[in-house]
PDB file of N, CA and C in Angstrom:
ATOM      1  N   UNK A   1      82.362  28.874 124.310  1.00  0.00           N
ATOM      2  CA  UNK A   1      82.940  30.015 123.580  1.00  0.00           C
ATOM      3  C   UNK A   1      84.185  29.565 122.813  1.00  0.00           C
ATOM      4  N   UNK A   2      84.128  29.651 121.509  1.00  0.00           N
ATOM      5  CA  UNK A   2      85.273  29.236 120.672  1.00  0.00           C
ATOM      6  C   UNK A   2      86.407  30.255 120.752  1.00  0.00           C
ATOM      7  N   UNK A   3      87.616  29.758 121.013  1.00  0.00           N
ATOM      8  CA  UNK A   3      88.754  30.670 121.139  1.00  0.00           C
ATOM      9  C   UNK A   3      89.125  31.292 119.799  1.00  0.00           C
ATOM     10  N   UNK A   4      88.770  30.615 118.711  1.00  0.00           N
ATOM     11  CA  UNK A   4      89.169  31.086 117.385  1.00  0.00           C
ATOM     12  C   UNK A   4      88.360  32.304 116.953  1.00  0.00           C
ATOM     13  N   UNK A   5      87.332  32.664 117.716  1.00  0.00           N
ATOM     14  CA  UNK A   5      86.487  33.789 117.327  1.00  0.00           C
ATOM     15  C   UNK A   5      86.727  34.988 118.230  1.00  0.00           C
ATOM     16  N   UNK A   6      87.415  36.014 117.726  1.00  0.00           N
ATOM     17  CA  UNK A   6      87.639  37.224 118.509  1.00  0.00           C
ATOM     18  C   UNK A   6      86.338  38.001 118.673  1.00  0.00           C
ATOM     19  N   UNK A   7      86.177  38.754 119.759  1.00  0.00           N
ATOM     20  CA  UNK A   7      84.924  39.453 120.036  1.00  0.00           C
ATOM     21  C   UNK A   7      84.644  40.590 119.063  1.00  0.00           C
ATOM     22  N   UNK A   8      85.673  41.096 118.389  1.00  0.00           N
ATOM     23  CA  UNK A   8      85.464  42.245 117.507  1.00  0.00           C
ATOM     24  C   UNK A   8      85.599  41.889 116.029  1.00  0.00           C
ATOM     25  N   UNK A   9      85.596  40.599 115.704  1.00  0.00           N
ATOM     26  CA  UNK A   9      85.548  40.210 114.294  1.00  0.00           C
ATOM     27  C   UNK A   9      86.912  39.976 113.674  1.00  0.00           C
ATOM     28  N   UNK A  10      87.015  38.945 112.833  1.00  0.00           N
ATOM     29  CA  UNK A  10      88.293  38.557 112.253  1.00  0.00           C
ATOM     30  C   UNK A  10      88.761  39.551 111.199  1.00  0.00           C
ATOM     31  N   UNK A  11      87.851  40.342 110.635  1.00  0.00           N
ATOM     32  CA  UNK A  11      88.236  41.256 109.565  1.00  0.00           C
ATOM     33  C   UNK A  11      89.147  42.359 110.076  1.00  0.00           C
ATOM     34  N   UNK A  12      89.088  42.646 111.393  1.00  0.00           N
ATOM     35  CA  UNK A  12      89.898  43.722 111.957  1.00  0.00           C
ATOM     36  C   UNK A  12      91.207  43.199 112.542  1.00  0.00           C
ATOM     37  N   UNK A  13      91.394  41.888 112.502  1.00  0.00           N
ATOM     38  CA  UNK A  13      92.599  41.301 113.085  1.00  0.00           C
ATOM     39  C   UNK A  13      93.368  40.508 112.041  1.00  0.00           C
ATOM     40  N   UNK A  14      94.681  40.578 112.130  1.00  0.00           N
ATOM     41  CA  UNK A  14      95.491  39.666 111.342  1.00  0.00           C
ATOM     42  C   UNK A  14      95.520  38.323 112.057  1.00  0.00           C
ATOM     43  N   UNK A  15      95.947  37.288 111.373  1.00  0.00           N
ATOM     44  CA  UNK A  15      95.993  35.963 111.996  1.00  0.00           C
ATOM     45  C   UNK A  15      96.943  35.966 113.184  1.00  0.00           C
ATOM     46  N   UNK A  16      98.025  36.722 113.077  1.00  0.00           N
ATOM     47  CA  UNK A  16      99.012  36.764 114.165  1.00  0.00           C
ATOM     48  C   UNK A  16      98.420  37.428 115.401  1.00  0.00           C
ATOM     49  N   UNK A  17      97.732  38.544 115.212  1.00  0.00           N
ATOM     50  CA  UNK A  17      97.109  39.228 116.351  1.00  0.00           C
ATOM     51  C   UNK A  17      96.050  38.340 116.982  1.00  0.00           C
ATOM     52  N   UNK A  18      95.294  37.629 116.144  1.00  0.00           N
ATOM     53  CA  UNK A  18      94.258  36.738 116.648  1.00  0.00           C
ATOM     54  C   UNK A  18      94.875  35.636 117.491  1.00  0.00           C
ATOM     55  N   UNK A  19      96.029  35.126 117.053  1.00  0.00           N
ATOM     56  CA  UNK A  19      96.708  34.060 117.798  1.00  0.00           C
ATOM     57  C   UNK A  19      97.140  34.564 119.174  1.00  0.00           C
ATOM     58  N   UNK A  20      97.696  35.768 119.223  1.00  0.00           N
ATOM     59  CA  UNK A  20      98.118  36.330 120.511  1.00  0.00           C
ATOM     60  C   UNK A  20      96.915  36.540 121.422  1.00  0.00           C
ATOM     61  N   UNK A  21      95.803  36.989 120.852  1.00  0.00           N
ATOM     62  CA  UNK A  21      94.586  37.199 121.635  1.00  0.00           C
ATOM     63  C   UNK A  21      94.121  35.881 122.239  1.00  0.00           C
ATOM     64  N   UNK A  22      94.168  34.821 121.458  1.00  0.00           N
ATOM     65  CA  UNK A  22      93.744  33.508 121.946  1.00  0.00           C
ATOM     66  C   UNK A  22      94.655  33.027 123.063  1.00  0.00           C
ATOM     67  N   UNK A  23      95.951  33.275 122.943  1.00  0.00           N
ATOM     68  CA  UNK A  23      96.888  32.851 123.988  1.00  0.00           C
ATOM     69  C   UNK A  23      96.587  33.582 125.295  1.00  0.00           C
ATOM     70  N   UNK A  24      96.225  34.851 125.219  1.00  0.00           N
ATOM     71  CA  UNK A  24      95.880  35.608 126.427  1.00  0.00           C
ATOM     72  C   UNK A  24      94.687  34.970 127.123  1.00  0.00           C
ATOM     73  N   UNK A  25      93.664  34.623 126.350  1.00  0.00           N
ATOM     74  CA  UNK A  25      92.466  34.021 126.936  1.00  0.00           C
ATOM     75  C   UNK A  25      92.806  32.698 127.601  1.00  0.00           C
ATOM     76  N   UNK A  26      93.628  31.900 126.942  1.00  0.00           N
ATOM     77  CA  UNK A  26      93.977  30.586 127.486  1.00  0.00           C
ATOM     78  C   UNK A  26      94.760  30.732 128.789  1.00  0.00           C
ATOM     79  N   UNK A  27      95.644  31.730 128.876  1.00  0.00           N
ATOM     80  CA  UNK A  27      96.429  31.922 130.097  1.00  0.00           C
ATOM     81  C   UNK A  27      95.530  32.394 131.239  1.00  0.00           C
ATOM     82  N   UNK A  28      94.513  33.203 130.919  1.00  0.00           N
ATOM     83  CA  UNK A  28      93.607  33.684 131.949  1.00  0.00           C
ATOM     84  C   UNK A  28      92.786  32.530 132.527  1.00  0.00           C
ATOM     85  N   UNK A  29      92.390  31.603 131.663  1.00  0.00           N
ATOM     86  CA  UNK A  29      91.541  30.483 132.092  1.00  0.00           C
ATOM     87  C   UNK A  29      92.364  29.391 132.767  1.00  0.00           C
ATOM     88  N   UNK A  30      93.588  29.204 132.294  1.00  0.00           N
ATOM     89  CA  UNK A  30      94.422  28.122 132.822  1.00  0.00           C
ATOM     90  C   UNK A  30      94.714  28.308 134.310  1.00  0.00           C
TER      91      UNK A  30
END
């Protein structure tokens, strides 16, 4: 699963929001 791909599509997210979402996923897995 690529972290760069949000589950609800990039068109609904700004790059900043997408970055925060990715950080959340990484902290959950770490």
